[in-house]
């Protein structure tokens, strides 16, 4: 991840669902329209959630964030992943 990237979205997947780093990166490249992206997966730390938290990073100046979010949601659905997606951008 570049130092010029910021967290754009976080999400968790449905119970017993997962996505590998390469598949997640490919999905995010397609949704964001840029290769200048980063992805991370962190295990829950609060003891109440039992699912990993995925974070998607991109340059702060990523254009048309609403369209990017719509593409991302559609692509997650098309992959049959039940994601709880949170936008971090303003």
PDB file of N, CA and C in Angstrom:
ATOM      1  N   UNK A   1       0.844  -1.180   0.000  1.00  0.00           N
ATOM      2  CA  UNK A   1       0.000   0.000   0.000  1.00  0.00           C
ATOM      3  C   UNK A   1       0.886   1.237   0.000  1.00  0.00           C
ATOM      4  N   UNK A   2       0.569   2.170  -0.867  1.00  0.00           N
ATOM      5  CA  UNK A   2       1.312   3.421  -0.976  1.00  0.00           C
ATOM      6  C   UNK A   2       0.950   4.362   0.162  1.00  0.00           C
ATOM      7  N   UNK A   3       1.876   5.235   0.529  1.00  0.00           N
ATOM      8  CA  UNK A   3       1.597   6.200   1.589  1.00  0.00           C
ATOM      9  C   UNK A   3       0.581   7.242   1.129  1.00  0.00           C
ATOM     10  N   UNK A   4       0.287   7.282  -0.163  1.00  0.00           N
ATOM     11  CA  UNK A   4      -0.679   8.239  -0.694  1.00  0.00           C
ATOM     12  C   UNK A   4      -2.087   7.646  -0.763  1.00  0.00           C
ATOM     13  N   UNK A   5      -2.293   6.482  -0.197  1.00  0.00           N
ATOM     14  CA  UNK A   5      -3.603   5.843  -0.204  1.00  0.00           C
ATOM     15  C   UNK A   5      -4.283   6.025   1.144  1.00  0.00           C
ATOM     16  N   UNK A   6      -5.602   6.081   1.096  1.00  0.00           N
ATOM     17  CA  UNK A   6      -6.403   6.176   2.312  1.00  0.00           C
ATOM     18  C   UNK A   6      -7.445   5.058   2.291  1.00  0.00           C
ATOM     19  N   UNK A   7      -7.925   4.690   3.456  1.00  0.00           N
ATOM     20  CA  UNK A   7      -8.968   3.674   3.547  1.00  0.00           C
ATOM     21  C   UNK A   7     -10.262   4.243   2.977  1.00  0.00           C
ATOM     22  N   UNK A   8     -10.856   3.545   2.031  1.00  0.00           N
ATOM     23  CA  UNK A   8     -12.088   3.993   1.393  1.00  0.00           C
ATOM     24  C   UNK A   8     -13.310   3.218   1.891  1.00  0.00           C
ATOM     25  N   UNK A   9     -13.139   1.908   2.085  1.00  0.00           N
ATOM     26  CA  UNK A   9     -14.252   1.049   2.494  1.00  0.00           C
ATOM     27  C   UNK A   9     -13.739  -0.021   3.446  1.00  0.00           C
ATOM     28  N   UNK A  10     -14.600  -0.443   4.348  1.00  0.00           N
ATOM     29  CA  UNK A  10     -14.360  -1.659   5.124  1.00  0.00           C
ATOM     30  C   UNK A  10     -15.582  -2.539   4.935  1.00  0.00           C
ATOM     31  N   UNK A  11     -15.372  -3.827   5.101  1.00  0.00           N
ATOM     32  CA  UNK A  11     -16.513  -4.731   5.034  1.00  0.00           C
ATOM     33  C   UNK A  11     -16.204  -6.044   5.736  1.00  0.00           C
ATOM     34  N   UNK A  12     -17.261  -6.721   6.105  1.00  0.00           N
ATOM     35  CA  UNK A  12     -17.177  -8.087   6.590  1.00  0.00           C
ATOM     36  C   UNK A  12     -18.034  -8.927   5.656  1.00  0.00           C
ATOM     37  N   UNK A  13     -17.766 -10.196   5.625  1.00  0.00           N
ATOM     38  CA  UNK A  13     -18.536 -11.113   4.796  1.00  0.00           C
ATOM     39  C   UNK A  13     -19.454 -11.959   5.666  1.00  0.00           C
ATOM     40  N   UNK A  14     -20.395 -12.615   5.024  1.00  0.00           N
ATOM     41  CA  UNK A  14     -21.317 -13.488   5.725  1.00  0.00           C
ATOM     42  C   UNK A  14     -20.587 -14.649   6.377  1.00  0.00           C
ATOM     43  N   UNK A  15     -21.271 -15.284   7.281  1.00  0.00           N
ATOM     44  CA  UNK A  15     -20.701 -16.420   8.009  1.00  0.00           C
ATOM     45  C   UNK A  15     -20.186 -17.470   7.021  1.00  0.00           C
ATOM     46  N   UNK A  16     -19.012 -17.965   7.274  1.00  0.00           N
ATOM     47  CA  UNK A  16     -18.364 -19.000   6.460  1.00  0.00           C
ATOM     48  C   UNK A  16     -18.008 -18.532   5.054  1.00  0.00           C
ATOM     49  N   UNK A  17     -18.003 -17.221   4.804  1.00  0.00           N
ATOM     50  CA  UNK A  17     -17.572 -16.696   3.513  1.00  0.00           C
ATOM     51  C   UNK A  17     -16.179 -16.100   3.661  1.00  0.00           C
ATOM     52  N   UNK A  18     -15.429 -16.137   2.564  1.00  0.00           N
ATOM     53  CA  UNK A  18     -14.081 -15.590   2.566  1.00  0.00           C
ATOM     54  C   UNK A  18     -13.717 -15.199   1.143  1.00  0.00           C
ATOM     55  N   UNK A  19     -12.714 -14.344   1.027  1.00  0.00           N
ATOM     56  CA  UNK A  19     -12.169 -13.987  -0.277  1.00  0.00           C
ATOM     57  C   UNK A  19     -10.657 -13.880  -0.109  1.00  0.00           C
ATOM     58  N   UNK A  20      -9.948 -14.453  -1.032  1.00  0.00           N
ATOM     59  CA  UNK A  20      -8.488 -14.433  -0.972  1.00  0.00           C
ATOM     60  C   UNK A  20      -7.930 -13.079  -1.374  1.00  0.00           C
ATOM     61  N   UNK A  21      -6.673 -12.821  -1.039  1.00  0.00           N
ATOM     62  CA  UNK A  21      -6.087 -11.512  -1.328  1.00  0.00           C
ATOM     63  C   UNK A  21      -6.019 -11.185  -2.815  1.00  0.00           C
ATOM     64  N   UNK A  22      -5.728 -12.161  -3.653  1.00  0.00           N
ATOM     65  CA  UNK A  22      -5.629 -11.899  -5.093  1.00  0.00           C
ATOM     66  C   UNK A  22      -7.002 -11.606  -5.688  1.00  0.00           C
ATOM     67  N   UNK A  23      -8.006 -12.375  -5.289  1.00  0.00           N
ATOM     68  CA  UNK A  23      -9.371 -12.138  -5.777  1.00  0.00           C
ATOM     69  C   UNK A  23      -9.892 -10.789  -5.284  1.00  0.00           C
ATOM     70  N   UNK A  24      -9.602 -10.455  -4.035  1.00  0.00           N
ATOM     71  CA  UNK A  24     -10.047  -9.175  -3.485  1.00  0.00           C
ATOM     72  C   UNK A  24      -9.366  -8.019  -4.212  1.00  0.00           C
ATOM     73  N   UNK A  25      -8.090  -8.157  -4.438  1.00  0.00           N
ATOM     74  CA  UNK A  25      -7.351  -7.100  -5.140  1.00  0.00           C
ATOM     75  C   UNK A  25      -7.903  -6.921  -6.555  1.00  0.00           C
ATOM     76  N   UNK A  26      -8.155  -7.999  -7.256  1.00  0.00           N
ATOM     77  CA  UNK A  26      -8.698  -7.936  -8.611  1.00  0.00           C
ATOM     78  C   UNK A  26     -10.075  -7.267  -8.617  1.00  0.00           C
ATOM     79  N   UNK A  27     -10.912  -7.641  -7.685  1.00  0.00           N
ATOM     80  CA  UNK A  27     -12.247  -7.046  -7.577  1.00  0.00           C
ATOM     81  C   UNK A  27     -12.144  -5.542  -7.325  1.00  0.00           C
ATOM     82  N   UNK A  28     -11.250  -5.146  -6.430  1.00  0.00           N
ATOM     83  CA  UNK A  28     -11.107  -3.743  -6.068  1.00  0.00           C
ATOM     84  C   UNK A  28     -10.511  -2.935  -7.219  1.00  0.00           C
ATOM     85  N   UNK A  29      -9.577  -3.504  -7.966  1.00  0.00           N
ATOM     86  CA  UNK A  29      -9.025  -2.830  -9.145  1.00  0.00           C
ATOM     87  C   UNK A  29     -10.146  -2.549 -10.142  1.00  0.00           C
ATOM     88  N   UNK A  30     -10.985  -3.531 -10.388  1.00  0.00           N
ATOM     89  CA  UNK A  30     -12.083  -3.355 -11.341  1.00  0.00           C
ATOM     90  C   UNK A  30     -13.096  -2.320 -10.841  1.00  0.00           C
ATOM     91  N   UNK A  31     -13.445  -2.382  -9.582  1.00  0.00           N
ATOM     92  CA  UNK A  31     -14.441  -1.455  -9.038  1.00  0.00           C
ATOM     93  C   UNK A  31     -13.912  -0.027  -8.977  1.00  0.00           C
ATOM     94  N   UNK A  32     -12.639   0.133  -8.609  1.00  0.00           N
ATOM     95  CA  UNK A  32     -12.070   1.474  -8.426  1.00  0.00           C
ATOM     96  C   UNK A  32     -11.597   2.100  -9.730  1.00  0.00           C
ATOM     97  N   UNK A  33     -11.274   1.261 -10.717  1.00  0.00           N
ATOM     98  CA  UNK A  33     -10.781   1.775 -11.987  1.00  0.00           C
ATOM     99  C   UNK A  33      -9.320   2.184 -11.958  1.00  0.00           C
ATOM    100  N   UNK A  34      -8.568   1.756 -10.937  1.00  0.00           N
ATOM    101  CA  UNK A  34      -7.145   2.075 -10.846  1.00  0.00           C
ATOM    102  C   UNK A  34      -6.389   0.882 -10.277  1.00  0.00           C
ATOM    103  N   UNK A  35      -5.128   0.795 -10.626  1.00  0.00           N
ATOM    104  CA  UNK A  35      -4.268  -0.249 -10.055  1.00  0.00           C
ATOM    105  C   UNK A  35      -3.537   0.257  -8.814  1.00  0.00           C
ATOM    106  N   UNK A  36      -3.668   1.527  -8.534  1.00  0.00           N
ATOM    107  CA  UNK A  36      -3.025   2.132  -7.368  1.00  0.00           C
ATOM    108  C   UNK A  36      -3.927   1.930  -6.148  1.00  0.00           C
ATOM    109  N   UNK A  37      -4.020   0.690  -5.714  1.00  0.00           N
ATOM    110  CA  UNK A  37      -4.914   0.329  -4.606  1.00  0.00           C
ATOM    111  C   UNK A  37      -4.181  -0.551  -3.608  1.00  0.00           C
ATOM    112  N   UNK A  38      -4.797  -0.773  -2.474  1.00  0.00           N
ATOM    113  CA  UNK A  38      -4.288  -1.695  -1.475  1.00  0.00           C
ATOM    114  C   UNK A  38      -5.461  -2.381  -0.800  1.00  0.00           C
ATOM    115  N   UNK A  39      -5.218  -3.560  -0.273  1.00  0.00           N
ATOM    116  CA  UNK A  39      -6.248  -4.307   0.461  1.00  0.00           C
ATOM    117  C   UNK A  39      -5.614  -4.879   1.720  1.00  0.00           C
ATOM    118  N   UNK A  40      -6.432  -5.050   2.755  1.00  0.00           N
ATOM    119  CA  UNK A  40      -5.941  -5.704   3.963  1.00  0.00           C
ATOM    120  C   UNK A  40      -7.054  -6.530   4.584  1.00  0.00           C
ATOM    121  N   UNK A  41      -6.643  -7.491   5.382  1.00  0.00           N
ATOM    122  CA  UNK A  41      -7.570  -8.352   6.113  1.00  0.00           C
ATOM    123  C   UNK A  41      -7.052  -8.434   7.535  1.00  0.00           C
ATOM    124  N   UNK A  42      -7.914  -8.105   8.481  1.00  0.00           N
ATOM    125  CA  UNK A  42      -7.527  -8.164   9.892  1.00  0.00           C
ATOM    126  C   UNK A  42      -8.517  -9.011  10.658  1.00  0.00           C
ATOM    127  N   UNK A  43      -7.975  -9.803  11.530  1.00  0.00           N
ATOM    128  CA  UNK A  43      -8.837 -10.593  12.399  1.00  0.00           C
ATOM    129  C   UNK A  43      -9.495  -9.666  13.417  1.00  0.00           C
ATOM    130  N   UNK A  44     -10.699  -9.982  13.825  1.00  0.00           N
ATOM    131  CA  UNK A  44     -11.381  -9.142  14.813  1.00  0.00           C
ATOM    132  C   UNK A  44     -10.606  -9.110  16.119  1.00  0.00           C
ATOM    133  N   UNK A  45     -10.663  -7.966  16.783  1.00  0.00           N
ATOM    134  CA  UNK A  45      -9.914  -7.823  18.025  1.00  0.00           C
ATOM    135  C   UNK A  45     -10.806  -7.557  19.224  1.00  0.00           C
ATOM    136  N   UNK A  46     -12.093  -7.342  19.001  1.00  0.00           N
ATOM    137  CA  UNK A  46     -12.964  -6.980  20.115  1.00  0.00           C
ATOM    138  C   UNK A  46     -13.655  -8.174  20.768  1.00  0.00           C
ATOM    139  N   UNK A  47     -13.467  -9.355  20.235  1.00  0.00           N
ATOM    140  CA  UNK A  47     -14.044 -10.544  20.837  1.00  0.00           C
ATOM    141  C   UNK A  47     -15.515 -10.750  20.546  1.00  0.00           C
ATOM    142  N   UNK A  48     -16.199  -9.755  20.009  1.00  0.00           N
ATOM    143  CA  UNK A  48     -17.624  -9.884  19.731  1.00  0.00           C
ATOM    144  C   UNK A  48     -17.894 -10.270  18.283  1.00  0.00           C
ATOM    145  N   UNK A  49     -17.007  -9.909  17.405  1.00  0.00           N
ATOM    146  CA  UNK A  49     -17.181 -10.251  15.996  1.00  0.00           C
ATOM    147  C   UNK A  49     -16.351 -11.484  15.716  1.00  0.00           C
ATOM    148  N   UNK A  50     -16.881 -12.363  14.940  1.00  0.00           N
ATOM    149  CA  UNK A  50     -16.129 -13.572  14.630  1.00  0.00           C
ATOM    150  C   UNK A  50     -15.726 -13.634  13.165  1.00  0.00           C
ATOM    151  N   UNK A  51     -15.768 -12.476  12.491  1.00  0.00           N
ATOM    152  CA  UNK A  51     -15.417 -12.440  11.075  1.00  0.00           C
ATOM    153  C   UNK A  51     -14.321 -11.407  10.831  1.00  0.00           C
ATOM    154  N   UNK A  52     -13.429 -11.698   9.905  1.00  0.00           N
ATOM    155  CA  UNK A  52     -12.369 -10.740   9.583  1.00  0.00           C
ATOM    156  C   UNK A  52     -12.948  -9.452   9.012  1.00  0.00           C
ATOM    157  N   UNK A  53     -12.175  -8.398   9.142  1.00  0.00           N
ATOM    158  CA  UNK A  53     -12.546  -7.099   8.590  1.00  0.00           C
ATOM    159  C   UNK A  53     -11.601  -6.813   7.428  1.00  0.00           C
ATOM    160  N   UNK A  54     -12.178  -6.576   6.270  1.00  0.00           N
ATOM    161  CA  UNK A  54     -11.419  -6.262   5.070  1.00  0.00           C
ATOM    162  C   UNK A  54     -11.439  -4.747   4.877  1.00  0.00           C
ATOM    163  N   UNK A  55     -10.311  -4.176   4.467  1.00  0.00           N
ATOM    164  CA  UNK A  55     -10.231  -2.743   4.208  1.00  0.00           C
ATOM    165  C   UNK A  55      -9.668  -2.537   2.810  1.00  0.00           C
ATOM    166  N   UNK A  56     -10.276  -1.598   2.082  1.00  0.00           N
ATOM    167  CA  UNK A  56      -9.874  -1.282   0.713  1.00  0.00           C
ATOM    168  C   UNK A  56      -9.314   0.135   0.685  1.00  0.00           C
ATOM    169  N   UNK A  57      -8.131   0.285   0.118  1.00  0.00           N
ATOM    170  CA  UNK A  57      -7.410   1.553   0.069  1.00  0.00           C
ATOM    171  C   UNK A  57      -7.276   2.025  -1.373  1.00  0.00           C
ATOM    172  N   UNK A  58      -7.272   3.347  -1.545  1.00  0.00           N
ATOM    173  CA  UNK A  58      -7.084   3.948  -2.865  1.00  0.00           C
ATOM    174  C   UNK A  58      -6.568   5.370  -2.664  1.00  0.00           C
ATOM    175  N   UNK A  59      -6.127   6.006  -3.740  1.00  0.00           N
ATOM    176  CA  UNK A  59      -5.700   7.397  -3.610  1.00  0.00           C
ATOM    177  C   UNK A  59      -6.855   8.276  -3.138  1.00  0.00           C
ATOM    178  N   UNK A  60      -6.525   9.269  -2.354  1.00  0.00           N
ATOM    179  CA  UNK A  60      -7.538  10.176  -1.815  1.00  0.00           C
ATOM    180  C   UNK A  60      -8.359  10.833  -2.926  1.00  0.00           C
ATOM    181  N   UNK A  61      -7.731  11.096  -4.053  1.00  0.00           N
ATOM    182  CA  UNK A  61      -8.409  11.786  -5.144  1.00  0.00           C
ATOM    183  C   UNK A  61      -9.160  10.852  -6.089  1.00  0.00           C
ATOM    184  N   UNK A  62      -9.433   9.635  -5.663  1.00  0.00           N
ATOM    185  CA  UNK A  62     -10.194   8.696  -6.488  1.00  0.00           C
ATOM    186  C   UNK A  62     -11.511   9.347  -6.897  1.00  0.00           C
ATOM    187  N   UNK A  63     -11.784   9.377  -8.176  1.00  0.00           N
ATOM    188  CA  UNK A  63     -12.955  10.083  -8.691  1.00  0.00           C
ATOM    189  C   UNK A  63     -14.251   9.305  -8.588  1.00  0.00           C
ATOM    190  N   UNK A  64     -15.351  10.024  -8.575  1.00  0.00           N
ATOM    191  CA  UNK A  64     -16.722   9.512  -8.574  1.00  0.00           C
ATOM    192  C   UNK A  64     -16.909   8.361  -7.586  1.00  0.00           C
ATOM    193  N   UNK A  65     -16.735   8.671  -6.327  1.00  0.00           N
ATOM    194  CA  UNK A  65     -16.782   7.659  -5.269  1.00  0.00           C
ATOM    195  C   UNK A  65     -18.132   6.947  -5.189  1.00  0.00           C
ATOM    196  N   UNK A  66     -19.193   7.657  -5.508  1.00  0.00           N
ATOM    197  CA  UNK A  66     -20.512   7.015  -5.478  1.00  0.00           C
ATOM    198  C   UNK A  66     -20.586   5.906  -6.528  1.00  0.00           C
ATOM    199  N   UNK A  67     -20.090   6.175  -7.730  1.00  0.00           N
ATOM    200  CA  UNK A  67     -20.083   5.157  -8.781  1.00  0.00           C
ATOM    201  C   UNK A  67     -19.167   3.990  -8.418  1.00  0.00           C
ATOM    202  N   UNK A  68     -18.024   4.289  -7.806  1.00  0.00           N
ATOM    203  CA  UNK A  68     -17.104   3.234  -7.356  1.00  0.00           C
ATOM    204  C   UNK A  68     -17.809   2.346  -6.337  1.00  0.00           C
ATOM    205  N   UNK A  69     -18.499   2.959  -5.393  1.00  0.00           N
ATOM    206  CA  UNK A  69     -19.212   2.180  -4.367  1.00  0.00           C
ATOM    207  C   UNK A  69     -20.298   1.315  -4.991  1.00  0.00           C
ATOM    208  N   UNK A  70     -21.048   1.848  -5.925  1.00  0.00           N
ATOM    209  CA  UNK A  70     -22.093   1.063  -6.588  1.00  0.00           C
ATOM    210  C   UNK A  70     -21.496  -0.127  -7.338  1.00  0.00           C
ATOM    211  N   UNK A  71     -20.379   0.109  -8.056  1.00  0.00           N
ATOM    212  CA  UNK A  71     -19.715  -0.997  -8.762  1.00  0.00           C
ATOM    213  C   UNK A  71     -19.233  -2.055  -7.778  1.00  0.00           C
ATOM    214  N   UNK A  72     -18.645  -1.606  -6.678  1.00  0.00           N
ATOM    215  CA  UNK A  72     -18.135  -2.533  -5.668  1.00  0.00           C
ATOM    216  C   UNK A  72     -19.265  -3.381  -5.092  1.00  0.00           C
ATOM    217  N   UNK A  73     -20.359  -2.747  -4.722  1.00  0.00           N
ATOM    218  CA  UNK A  73     -21.505  -3.489  -4.182  1.00  0.00           C
ATOM    219  C   UNK A  73     -22.028  -4.507  -5.192  1.00  0.00           C
ATOM    220  N   UNK A  74     -22.135  -4.080  -6.448  1.00  0.00           N
ATOM    221  CA  UNK A  74     -22.628  -4.982  -7.495  1.00  0.00           C
ATOM    222  C   UNK A  74     -21.682  -6.168  -7.686  1.00  0.00           C
ATOM    223  N   UNK A  75     -20.390  -5.896  -7.682  1.00  0.00           N
ATOM    224  CA  UNK A  75     -19.412  -6.969  -7.891  1.00  0.00           C
ATOM    225  C   UNK A  75     -19.407  -7.960  -6.730  1.00  0.00           C
ATOM    226  N   UNK A  76     -19.554  -7.475  -5.508  1.00  0.00           N
ATOM    227  CA  UNK A  76     -19.639  -8.379  -4.349  1.00  0.00           C
ATOM    228  C   UNK A  76     -20.876  -9.258  -4.455  1.00  0.00           C
ATOM    229  N   UNK A  77     -21.999  -8.666  -4.851  1.00  0.00           N
ATOM    230  CA  UNK A  77     -23.225  -9.445  -5.041  1.00  0.00           C
ATOM    231  C   UNK A  77     -23.060 -10.468  -6.153  1.00  0.00           C
ATOM    232  N   UNK A  78     -22.452 -10.059  -7.264  1.00  0.00           N
ATOM    233  CA  UNK A  78     -22.245 -10.962  -8.396  1.00  0.00           C
ATOM    234  C   UNK A  78     -21.350 -12.139  -8.017  1.00  0.00           C
ATOM    235  N   UNK A  79     -20.456 -11.913  -7.056  1.00  0.00           N
ATOM    236  CA  UNK A  79     -19.568 -12.981  -6.581  1.00  0.00           C
ATOM    237  C   UNK A  79     -20.242 -13.815  -5.490  1.00  0.00           C
ATOM    238  N   UNK A  80     -21.518 -13.538  -5.236  1.00  0.00           N
ATOM    239  CA  UNK A  80     -22.301 -14.251  -4.215  1.00  0.00           C
ATOM    240  C   UNK A  80     -21.695 -14.114  -2.826  1.00  0.00           C
ATOM    241  N   UNK A  81     -21.176 -12.915  -2.560  1.00  0.00           N
ATOM    242  CA  UNK A  81     -20.624 -12.604  -1.242  1.00  0.00           C
ATOM    243  C   UNK A  81     -21.579 -11.652  -0.537  1.00  0.00           C
ATOM    244  N   UNK A  82     -21.984 -12.001   0.648  1.00  0.00           N
ATOM    245  CA  UNK A  82     -22.915 -11.201   1.434  1.00  0.00           C
ATOM    246  C   UNK A  82     -22.104 -10.254   2.301  1.00  0.00           C
ATOM    247  N   UNK A  83     -21.796  -9.086   1.746  1.00  0.00           N
ATOM    248  CA  UNK A  83     -20.910  -8.140   2.413  1.00  0.00           C
ATOM    249  C   UNK A  83     -21.698  -7.070   3.158  1.00  0.00           C
ATOM    250  N   UNK A  84     -21.186  -6.731   4.320  1.00  0.00           N
ATOM    251  CA  UNK A  84     -21.665  -5.583   5.061  1.00  0.00           C
ATOM    252  C   UNK A  84     -20.629  -4.490   4.845  1.00  0.00           C
ATOM    253  N   UNK A  85     -20.899  -3.619   3.878  1.00  0.00           N
ATOM    254  CA  UNK A  85     -19.942  -2.632   3.398  1.00  0.00           C
ATOM    255  C   UNK A  85     -20.156  -1.282   4.083  1.00  0.00           C
ATOM    256  N   UNK A  86     -19.070  -0.666   4.510  1.00  0.00           N
ATOM    257  CA  UNK A  86     -19.118   0.662   5.128  1.00  0.00           C
ATOM    258  C   UNK A  86     -18.210   1.597   4.342  1.00  0.00           C
ATOM    259  N   UNK A  87     -18.766   2.728   3.910  1.00  0.00           N
ATOM    260  CA  UNK A  87     -17.979   3.748   3.215  1.00  0.00           C
ATOM    261  C   UNK A  87     -17.250   4.584   4.252  1.00  0.00           C
ATOM    262  N   UNK A  88     -15.984   4.851   4.025  1.00  0.00           N
ATOM    263  CA  UNK A  88     -15.193   5.661   4.940  1.00  0.00           C
ATOM    264  C   UNK A  88     -14.924   7.039   4.377  1.00  0.00           C
ATOM    265  N   UNK A  89     -15.271   7.255   3.123  1.00  0.00           N
ATOM    266  CA  UNK A  89     -15.009   8.538   2.481  1.00  0.00           C
ATOM    267  C   UNK A  89     -16.167   9.499   2.735  1.00  0.00           C
ATOM    268  N   UNK A  90     -15.869  10.781   2.578  1.00  0.00           N
ATOM    269  CA  UNK A  90     -16.894  11.826   2.780  1.00  0.00           C
ATOM    270  C   UNK A  90     -17.385  12.318   1.453  1.00  0.00           C
TER     271      UNK A  90
END
